[in-house]
Every structure is written in C-alpha cells, then in structure tokens.
Amino acid sequence: MSGFNLNVEINRLKKRIREKPDVESLKTLLRYLAAEGLIREIPKYLKIWRESLPLDEIFYTFLGLYYARTLKVGKLKGIWKKIPNEYKAVILMSYGYPEKALKLTSDEYTKANCYYLMGKDYELDKPLDDANRVIYNNILGAKYTLSGEFEKAINVSEENFPLAVSMGMYGPAINSYISKGIVECDTVPLIVASLVSKHLGDRYNYIKTGIYIRFFKGLRVRLKGDTAKIRYFRVLNDLASGKDGVYSLIGLKNLFWYLNKRKTGEMYLSFAGKLKLMKGKGEMKERKKTLIVLAFMKAFNNDADKVKKYAHLIFPESFSPKRRLGEYISRARAYIGVDTDAFITLRFGNFLRDEVGEWKNIILHRMKTYVGEH
C-alpha cells in the first residue's frame, strides 16, 4: 500500500490556506477534495478563491464539477463556456453523451469510459502508482461490468475498495462498492453507497444508486426536476423500468440484458471472455466439450450436419470424432433454446477473448457472419 493519504494532505492544505490562500494550494486541495468525493466541501474553497484571488479556467473546472455532481443543471449551463473542453467531456460522458465527449477529450480514461458506455472496448495501459491505479481499477471494473465479465468485475472491486479507502480516496471506493452491488444484484452495498454519497454531497451517485436499488427491489422511480433533464438517468431509469427502445447508450442496454437474467435466474450461454453456461448469477457445471458443441450448434443455426465438418477440431484426440460429436450433440440439445450474449460480446470485442484453439476461430468467424446477416 502507498504511504500517501488524501486526508493527511487535505488537512495540511486547509491549514496553509487558512494562513494565506494561494492559487496552487487551492487547486491542489480542490483536486484532492474531488478525489475523496467530498463534494459538499468544494463551495467553501471556491468562495475563498473567488474573494481573494484571480479566477481562471481551473476555477470553473471545479465549479463545473460541483454543479455537475449536485445536479444543478441550470447553473452548469450558465458557466458552460468557461469550463475547459477536457472537463466538459467528463461531464458530457457522465450525463450520457459519450459521442459528444469524445470530440472534446484527449484523456485516455475519459475515452475509455465513453467507449464502454457505447458498448465498445478500449484498452488502457495499467499505471504503476497506487493513486492512478485506483482510478484505473474503477474504469476496469466498469468495463467488465458492462461487457458481462462479472467474475473479473467482482475481483477488481474487491481489490480496489481497500486500496482506495487506505488512501482516503472515498469517491473511487464508493464507485467500487456500487459496482459490487450491481454485479452481485445486492442492494446492501448500493444502500450503503447511496447513504455515503448523500452525506458527501454527491447527488449524482445518490440518484444513480437509487435507480439500481429500486430495480432490484422491483420498484419504479419517477425522475423529477433536474434529474429528469439528464440523459444518463433517463436511459438508466427506462431500462430499469423495463421499457424497450433504441438507446445510444448501448453499454447500459447491454448491462440490463445481463442484470435481468442475473436477477431472475434465467439461463444463458456467455461468450464474454470464456465460454460459460450461466444460470442467474452462477456458472453451471457442465462439460467444456458440451459447451463448445452448443456454441457450434448456435453458430450454425442448429444444423448438426454442418457442425459435423468440424468434429476433428472439437475432438482432436478422438479416433472417431464424429461419433463423439453425435454423443455431445445429444447433450447440447438440452440447452439449445437458451439465449446468448453473442451480439453484445462481438460488438464489445471480448467474444471468447480468453479462449484458445481453432474451434474458437471457427465460431468467431461464423458468429460474425450470422450476426451480420441478422
């Protein structure tokens, strides 16, 4: 664990600013308050800055952050032209406009979040320092959550939460806890995150977690006031309410495809990373060869004769691969009616990404063709 702790640094900077405020100390303090998630404290130091020092675009960055996280949409519009493009991109992304955000940003983390919301992958280099690793892990957790790799999402969340807390980075810690609650369909972490967000003054996370909580409890949310003006919340709420429609936030639509199955215990064949047969939140214990044959049957529209051409690839160790295939087709037919996440994973780019073998390449090629035809 790093020796750096935001709480210590924040208290040191507060003392310095009480004695004699200066721009650099205020900038650093505001950045740390944002990282810690202490949204409610930001106005106090923006007031000190406004009353004693010249204003610049960094001032409007943090004022924009405060308005964005407290959902003061009217006031945010009033200073929009004064906010730097890079932070405009962050706000646009979080408010549900990833396409517009991409036109304004060169930041790799913002780009990744935009692409994930659009249902597409984006590779990031892993940072070496702990502070950036906390942010990186939050983004990685979102990637795995929105692309159906839930075991990886849980592992990242469980690694990131204690690291973030140890460094005083409560904002990212809350995000990790929200991710854990969503993936595990568990309202307890979401309720805790909601209450902490409310205490910290982060109304954005408070509203977001509220929508998920009500989804898992089978309740509906009615958006009011400024929350109804925010596209991200409107789409999230529509999906949580079961409304069908064409949504540009493909990542959220994909997420609710998975969440509805995890919530109801429905079975599906997953191509996310590894080939798995899922039932709700758990992976079913089934022979890998059965799943491979099932995947071939899905890829070739349940045409056993076409699948038999690849028997030698599926059973390379067998003296009679077609006979073995026939046996496994009988087993696979028990699952032939289950849904798959092929459309989601092909678009995202993690379709069987962790598998090896020529069988994978055949299925990948055929599924791309099949999806293209439909």
Protein backbone atom coordinates (compact mmCIF):
# COMPACT_ATOMS: atom_id res chain seq x y z
CA MET A 1 0.00 0.00 0.00
CA SER A 2 1.12 3.54 -0.72
CA GLY A 3 2.13 5.85 2.16
CA PHE A 4 0.12 8.65 0.52
CA ASN A 5 -3.16 9.53 2.24
CA LEU A 6 -5.57 12.15 0.98
CA ASN A 7 -6.90 13.00 4.45
CA VAL A 8 -3.44 13.98 5.68
CA GLU A 9 -2.73 16.05 2.56
CA ILE A 10 -6.15 17.73 2.69
CA ASN A 11 -5.71 18.79 6.32
CA ARG A 12 -2.23 20.14 5.57
CA LEU A 13 -3.53 22.20 2.65
CA LYS A 14 -6.52 23.50 4.63
CA LYS A 15 -4.15 24.81 7.29
CA ARG A 16 -1.97 26.52 4.69
CA ILE A 17 -4.99 28.16 3.03
CA ARG A 18 -6.33 29.40 6.39
CA GLU A 19 -2.98 31.14 6.98
CA LYS A 20 -2.56 32.54 3.46
CA PRO A 21 -4.52 31.31 0.44
CA ASP A 22 -2.69 30.85 -2.83
CA VAL A 23 -3.86 29.53 -6.18
CA GLU A 24 -1.68 26.42 -6.30
CA SER A 25 -2.72 25.27 -2.83
CA LEU A 26 -6.39 25.83 -3.69
CA LYS A 27 -6.07 23.93 -6.97
CA THR A 28 -4.41 21.00 -5.23
CA LEU A 29 -6.91 21.00 -2.36
CA LEU A 30 -9.89 21.08 -4.72
CA ARG A 31 -8.41 18.23 -6.75
CA TYR A 32 -7.97 16.19 -3.57
CA LEU A 33 -11.49 17.01 -2.34
CA ALA A 34 -12.84 15.81 -5.68
CA ALA A 35 -10.79 12.59 -5.47
CA GLU A 36 -12.00 11.98 -1.92
CA GLY A 37 -15.57 12.60 -3.03
CA LEU A 38 -16.10 15.48 -0.58
CA ILE A 39 -18.37 17.42 -2.93
CA ARG A 40 -20.07 19.34 -0.10
CA GLU A 41 -16.74 20.99 0.89
CA ILE A 42 -15.88 22.32 -2.56
CA PRO A 43 -18.02 25.55 -2.44
CA LYS A 44 -16.24 26.79 0.70
CA TYR A 45 -12.87 26.83 -1.05
CA LEU A 46 -14.25 28.14 -4.32
CA LYS A 47 -15.61 31.08 -2.28
CA ILE A 48 -12.15 31.72 -0.77
CA TRP A 49 -10.66 31.62 -4.28
CA ARG A 50 -13.32 33.96 -5.72
CA GLU A 51 -12.92 36.51 -2.91
CA SER A 52 -9.12 36.68 -2.73
CA LEU A 53 -7.52 35.53 -5.99
CA PRO A 54 -7.91 35.88 -9.79
CA LEU A 55 -10.22 33.35 -11.44
CA ASP A 56 -9.04 31.06 -14.24
CA GLU A 57 -10.33 28.04 -16.15
CA ILE A 58 -9.30 25.69 -13.32
CA PHE A 59 -11.67 27.58 -11.01
CA TYR A 60 -14.50 26.97 -13.48
CA THR A 61 -13.46 23.32 -13.80
CA PHE A 62 -14.15 22.77 -10.11
CA LEU A 63 -17.26 24.94 -10.11
CA GLY A 64 -18.47 22.83 -13.05
CA LEU A 65 -17.63 19.66 -11.09
CA TYR A 66 -19.66 20.90 -8.14
CA TYR A 67 -22.68 21.80 -10.26
CA ALA A 68 -22.45 18.51 -12.21
CA ARG A 69 -22.29 16.28 -9.13
CA THR A 70 -25.03 18.22 -7.30
CA LEU A 71 -27.20 18.17 -10.47
CA LYS A 72 -27.56 21.94 -10.65
CA VAL A 73 -28.16 21.80 -14.40
CA GLY A 74 -29.28 25.42 -14.83
CA LYS A 75 -26.21 26.81 -13.08
CA LEU A 76 -23.98 24.40 -15.02
CA LYS A 77 -25.34 25.76 -18.30
CA GLY A 78 -24.64 29.31 -17.08
CA ILE A 79 -20.87 28.69 -16.82
CA TRP A 80 -20.57 26.08 -19.60
CA LYS A 81 -18.50 28.28 -21.95
CA LYS A 82 -15.94 28.91 -19.20
CA ILE A 83 -15.28 25.21 -18.47
CA PRO A 84 -12.24 23.70 -20.29
CA ASN A 85 -13.07 21.16 -23.00
CA GLU A 86 -11.42 18.27 -21.16
CA TYR A 87 -13.74 18.67 -18.21
CA LYS A 88 -16.73 19.39 -20.44
CA ALA A 89 -16.02 15.93 -21.86
CA VAL A 90 -16.13 14.35 -18.38
CA ILE A 91 -19.50 15.98 -17.66
CA LEU A 92 -20.93 15.06 -21.07
CA MET A 93 -19.84 11.45 -20.59
CA SER A 94 -21.35 11.20 -17.10
CA TYR A 95 -24.58 12.87 -18.27
CA GLY A 96 -24.98 10.37 -21.12
CA TYR A 97 -23.40 11.99 -24.18
CA PRO A 98 -20.27 9.88 -24.88
CA GLU A 99 -20.23 10.68 -28.61
CA LYS A 100 -20.03 14.43 -27.91
CA ALA A 101 -17.49 13.88 -25.14
CA LEU A 102 -15.12 12.02 -27.47
CA LYS A 103 -14.90 15.08 -29.71
CA LEU A 104 -13.58 17.20 -26.83
CA THR A 105 -11.15 14.92 -25.00
CA SER A 106 -7.66 13.52 -25.43
CA ASP A 107 -7.69 11.92 -21.95
CA GLU A 108 -7.37 8.14 -22.14
CA TYR A 109 -9.52 7.46 -19.08
CA THR A 110 -12.37 9.64 -20.36
CA LYS A 111 -12.15 7.98 -23.78
CA ALA A 112 -12.35 4.52 -22.19
CA ASN A 113 -15.45 5.42 -20.18
CA CYS A 114 -17.10 6.84 -23.32
CA TYR A 115 -16.43 3.73 -25.38
CA TYR A 116 -17.65 1.41 -22.63
CA LEU A 117 -20.93 3.37 -22.42
CA MET A 118 -21.21 2.93 -26.20
CA GLY A 119 -20.75 -0.85 -25.83
CA LYS A 120 -17.22 -0.91 -27.27
CA ASP A 121 -13.85 -1.88 -25.82
CA TYR A 122 -10.91 0.46 -25.27
CA GLU A 123 -7.56 -0.75 -23.98
CA LEU A 124 -5.76 1.18 -21.24
CA ASP A 125 -2.18 0.84 -20.01
CA LYS A 126 -2.01 -0.17 -16.36
CA PRO A 127 -0.44 2.62 -14.23
CA LEU A 128 2.34 1.90 -11.74
CA ASP A 129 1.42 4.31 -8.93
CA ASP A 130 -1.36 3.47 -6.47
CA ALA A 131 -3.36 6.70 -6.87
CA ASN A 132 -3.77 6.26 -10.62
CA ARG A 133 -4.29 2.52 -10.17
CA VAL A 134 -7.36 3.24 -8.03
CA ILE A 135 -8.88 5.31 -10.87
CA TYR A 136 -7.78 2.72 -13.45
CA ASN A 137 -9.40 -0.09 -11.44
CA ASN A 138 -12.68 1.84 -11.27
CA ILE A 139 -12.68 2.13 -15.06
CA LEU A 140 -11.63 -1.51 -15.47
CA GLY A 141 -14.48 -2.57 -13.19
CA ALA A 142 -16.91 -0.61 -15.36
CA LYS A 143 -15.50 -2.30 -18.46
CA TYR A 144 -16.02 -5.80 -17.05
CA THR A 145 -19.48 -4.92 -15.68
CA LEU A 146 -20.73 -3.51 -18.99
CA SER A 147 -19.33 -6.42 -21.03
CA GLY A 148 -20.59 -9.37 -18.99
CA GLU A 149 -17.32 -10.43 -17.33
CA PHE A 150 -18.75 -10.34 -13.84
CA GLU A 151 -16.21 -12.51 -12.03
CA LYS A 152 -13.45 -10.15 -13.17
CA ALA A 153 -15.58 -7.14 -12.15
CA ILE A 154 -16.01 -8.54 -8.62
CA ASN A 155 -12.28 -9.29 -8.31
CA VAL A 156 -11.35 -5.75 -9.36
CA SER A 157 -13.90 -4.25 -6.95
CA GLU A 158 -12.63 -6.34 -4.03
CA GLU A 159 -9.03 -5.33 -4.81
CA ASN A 160 -9.82 -1.65 -5.32
CA PHE A 161 -12.06 -0.93 -2.34
CA PRO A 162 -9.47 -1.44 0.43
CA LEU A 163 -6.75 0.26 -1.63
CA ALA A 164 -8.93 3.33 -2.22
CA VAL A 165 -10.01 3.50 1.45
CA SER A 166 -6.40 3.18 2.67
CA MET A 167 -5.51 6.23 0.57
CA GLY A 168 -8.54 8.26 1.62
CA MET A 169 -9.96 8.12 -1.92
CA TYR A 170 -13.56 7.63 -0.86
CA GLY A 171 -15.07 8.65 -4.21
CA PRO A 172 -13.45 5.73 -6.08
CA ALA A 173 -14.12 3.47 -3.06
CA ILE A 174 -17.84 4.25 -3.33
CA ASN A 175 -17.75 3.55 -7.07
CA SER A 176 -16.17 0.15 -6.37
CA TYR A 177 -18.89 -0.58 -3.82
CA ILE A 178 -21.60 0.45 -6.31
CA SER A 179 -20.06 -1.87 -8.92
CA LYS A 180 -20.05 -4.74 -6.41
CA GLY A 181 -23.72 -4.19 -5.58
CA ILE A 182 -24.75 -4.04 -9.24
CA VAL A 183 -22.84 -7.17 -10.26
CA GLU A 184 -23.99 -9.21 -7.27
CA CYS A 185 -27.59 -7.89 -7.52
CA ASP A 186 -27.23 -6.96 -3.85
CA THR A 187 -28.98 -3.87 -2.53
CA VAL A 188 -26.94 -3.69 0.71
CA PRO A 189 -23.73 -2.24 -0.87
CA LEU A 190 -25.92 0.03 -3.00
CA ILE A 191 -27.83 1.36 0.02
CA VAL A 192 -24.56 1.99 1.89
CA ALA A 193 -23.07 3.75 -1.15
CA SER A 194 -26.26 5.80 -1.53
CA LEU A 195 -26.20 7.00 2.09
CA VAL A 196 -22.48 7.82 1.98
CA SER A 197 -22.91 9.69 -1.33
CA LYS A 198 -25.73 11.74 0.18
CA HIS A 199 -23.54 12.57 3.21
CA LEU A 200 -20.66 13.64 0.95
CA GLY A 201 -22.94 15.85 -1.14
CA ASP A 202 -22.69 13.71 -4.29
CA ARG A 203 -26.26 13.82 -5.56
CA TYR A 204 -25.27 12.21 -8.89
CA ASN A 205 -24.22 8.94 -7.23
CA TYR A 206 -27.16 9.18 -4.81
CA ILE A 207 -29.68 9.25 -7.68
CA LYS A 208 -27.84 6.60 -9.70
CA THR A 209 -27.69 4.11 -6.83
CA GLY A 210 -31.34 4.83 -6.05
CA ILE A 211 -32.37 3.71 -9.53
CA TYR A 212 -30.45 0.44 -9.18
CA ILE A 213 -31.83 -0.19 -5.68
CA ARG A 214 -35.39 0.20 -6.92
CA PHE A 215 -34.67 -2.01 -9.93
CA PHE A 216 -33.51 -4.89 -7.72
CA LYS A 217 -36.49 -4.37 -5.39
CA GLY A 218 -38.92 -4.32 -8.31
CA LEU A 219 -39.92 -0.69 -7.73
CA ARG A 220 -40.14 2.16 -10.22
CA VAL A 221 -38.53 5.59 -9.98
CA ARG A 222 -40.10 8.81 -11.17
CA LEU A 223 -37.43 11.32 -12.10
CA LYS A 224 -38.17 14.88 -11.06
CA GLY A 225 -36.66 18.32 -11.62
CA ASP A 226 -33.11 18.47 -12.92
CA THR A 227 -32.67 14.69 -12.70
CA ALA A 228 -35.24 14.30 -15.50
CA LYS A 229 -33.12 16.59 -17.70
CA ILE A 230 -30.11 14.29 -17.58
CA ARG A 231 -29.99 11.78 -20.41
CA TYR A 232 -27.97 9.17 -18.46
CA PHE A 233 -30.63 9.00 -15.73
CA ARG A 234 -33.49 8.91 -18.23
CA VAL A 235 -32.00 5.95 -20.10
CA LEU A 236 -30.98 4.18 -16.88
CA ASN A 237 -34.46 4.64 -15.45
CA ASP A 238 -36.17 3.47 -18.65
CA LEU A 239 -34.04 0.32 -18.73
CA ALA A 240 -34.60 -0.32 -15.01
CA SER A 241 -38.36 0.08 -15.62
CA GLY A 242 -38.30 -2.49 -18.42
CA LYS A 243 -39.06 -0.04 -21.21
CA ASP A 244 -37.94 -1.21 -24.63
CA GLY A 245 -36.45 1.22 -27.09
CA VAL A 246 -33.47 2.23 -29.17
CA TYR A 247 -30.78 3.57 -26.86
CA SER A 248 -27.50 5.11 -27.93
CA LEU A 249 -26.01 4.16 -24.53
CA ILE A 250 -25.52 0.58 -25.73
CA GLY A 251 -23.33 -0.25 -22.72
CA LEU A 252 -26.23 0.39 -20.31
CA LYS A 253 -28.65 -1.56 -22.50
CA ASN A 254 -26.19 -4.48 -22.50
CA LEU A 255 -25.83 -4.26 -18.73
CA PHE A 256 -29.58 -4.58 -18.18
CA TRP A 257 -29.72 -7.52 -20.58
CA TYR A 258 -27.39 -9.27 -18.14
CA LEU A 259 -28.94 -7.89 -14.95
CA ASN A 260 -32.42 -9.08 -15.88
CA LYS A 261 -31.06 -12.60 -16.35
CA ARG A 262 -29.00 -12.48 -13.16
CA LYS A 263 -31.98 -11.12 -11.21
CA THR A 264 -34.48 -13.74 -12.50
CA GLY A 265 -32.12 -16.75 -12.60
CA GLU A 266 -32.51 -17.19 -16.36
CA MET A 267 -30.02 -19.40 -18.19
CA TYR A 268 -27.80 -18.07 -20.99
CA LEU A 269 -24.69 -19.07 -22.93
CA SER A 270 -21.96 -16.49 -22.39
CA PHE A 271 -19.11 -15.75 -24.78
CA ALA A 272 -17.74 -12.97 -22.54
CA GLY A 273 -14.05 -13.79 -22.24
CA LYS A 274 -14.51 -17.52 -21.65
CA LEU A 275 -17.27 -19.83 -22.83
CA LYS A 276 -19.67 -20.36 -19.91
CA LEU A 277 -23.21 -21.57 -19.32
CA MET A 278 -24.76 -19.21 -16.80
CA LYS A 279 -27.88 -19.55 -14.68
CA GLY A 280 -28.63 -16.25 -13.00
CA LYS A 281 -25.53 -15.16 -11.08
CA GLY A 282 -23.87 -18.61 -11.07
CA GLU A 283 -21.96 -20.62 -13.63
CA MET A 284 -23.46 -24.04 -14.34
CA LYS A 285 -21.21 -27.07 -14.04
CA GLU A 286 -21.20 -28.61 -17.50
CA ARG A 287 -18.51 -30.31 -19.56
CA LYS A 288 -16.49 -27.86 -21.64
CA LYS A 289 -16.91 -30.01 -24.75
CA THR A 290 -20.69 -29.82 -24.34
CA LEU A 291 -20.47 -26.04 -24.28
CA ILE A 292 -18.21 -25.98 -27.33
CA VAL A 293 -20.65 -28.20 -29.24
CA LEU A 294 -23.54 -25.99 -28.06
CA ALA A 295 -21.66 -22.92 -29.32
CA PHE A 296 -21.16 -24.62 -32.72
CA MET A 297 -24.86 -25.50 -32.86
CA LYS A 298 -25.75 -21.88 -32.10
CA ALA A 299 -23.27 -20.61 -34.68
CA PHE A 300 -24.64 -22.92 -37.40
CA ASN A 301 -28.32 -22.37 -36.56
CA ASN A 302 -28.79 -25.84 -35.04
CA ASP A 303 -27.62 -27.61 -38.23
CA ALA A 304 -25.87 -30.77 -36.94
CA ASP A 305 -24.63 -31.77 -40.41
CA LYS A 306 -22.68 -28.53 -40.77
CA VAL A 307 -21.24 -28.90 -37.28
CA LYS A 308 -20.00 -32.45 -38.09
CA LYS A 309 -17.50 -30.95 -40.55
CA TYR A 310 -15.63 -29.61 -37.53
CA ALA A 311 -15.72 -32.75 -35.39
CA HIS A 312 -11.94 -33.21 -35.77
CA LEU A 313 -11.36 -29.71 -34.35
CA ILE A 314 -13.64 -30.27 -31.39
CA PHE A 315 -12.31 -33.76 -30.59
CA PRO A 316 -8.74 -33.80 -31.97
CA GLU A 317 -7.71 -36.59 -29.58
CA SER A 318 -10.53 -38.95 -30.64
CA PHE A 319 -10.18 -41.87 -33.11
CA SER A 320 -13.86 -41.39 -34.02
CA PRO A 321 -14.59 -37.65 -33.66
CA LYS A 322 -17.94 -37.73 -35.49
CA ARG A 323 -19.27 -40.44 -33.19
CA ARG A 324 -18.13 -38.45 -30.15
CA LEU A 325 -19.71 -35.34 -31.61
CA GLY A 326 -23.03 -37.15 -32.00
CA GLU A 327 -22.97 -38.04 -28.31
CA TYR A 328 -22.27 -34.44 -27.31
CA ILE A 329 -24.89 -33.01 -29.67
CA SER A 330 -27.47 -35.04 -27.73
CA ARG A 331 -26.25 -33.39 -24.51
CA ALA A 332 -26.06 -29.92 -26.05
CA ARG A 333 -29.62 -30.08 -27.38
CA ALA A 334 -30.87 -29.80 -23.78
CA TYR A 335 -29.63 -26.19 -23.84
CA ILE A 336 -30.28 -25.30 -27.47
CA GLY A 337 -33.07 -22.85 -26.59
CA VAL A 338 -31.01 -20.70 -24.19
CA ASP A 339 -30.23 -17.11 -25.09
CA THR A 340 -26.65 -15.92 -25.76
CA ASP A 341 -24.69 -12.69 -25.38
CA ALA A 342 -23.07 -13.11 -28.81
CA PHE A 343 -24.35 -9.76 -30.13
CA ILE A 344 -23.04 -7.93 -27.05
CA THR A 345 -19.59 -9.55 -26.93
CA LEU A 346 -18.97 -9.37 -30.67
CA ARG A 347 -19.64 -5.64 -30.61
CA PHE A 348 -17.60 -5.10 -27.45
CA GLY A 349 -14.70 -7.21 -28.64
CA ASN A 350 -14.41 -9.73 -25.80
CA PHE A 351 -16.09 -12.64 -27.62
CA LEU A 352 -14.14 -15.75 -26.40
CA ARG A 353 -11.12 -13.48 -25.90
CA ASP A 354 -9.66 -15.71 -23.16
CA GLU A 355 -10.12 -18.99 -25.07
CA VAL A 356 -7.55 -20.70 -27.32
CA GLY A 357 -7.88 -23.21 -30.14
CA GLU A 358 -9.00 -23.35 -33.77
CA TRP A 359 -12.58 -24.14 -32.64
CA LYS A 360 -12.74 -20.61 -31.20
CA ASN A 361 -11.75 -19.03 -34.53
CA ILE A 362 -14.38 -21.03 -36.45
CA ILE A 363 -17.14 -19.98 -34.05
CA LEU A 364 -15.95 -16.36 -34.06
CA HIS A 365 -15.95 -16.19 -37.86
CA ARG A 366 -19.33 -17.89 -38.17
CA MET A 367 -20.95 -15.76 -35.45
CA LYS A 368 -19.72 -12.58 -37.11
CA THR A 369 -21.29 -13.77 -40.36
CA TYR A 370 -24.54 -14.81 -38.63
CA VAL A 371 -24.84 -11.54 -36.72
CA GLY A 372 -24.13 -9.62 -39.93
CA GLU A 373 -26.98 -11.48 -41.64
CA HIS A 374 -29.40 -10.63 -38.83
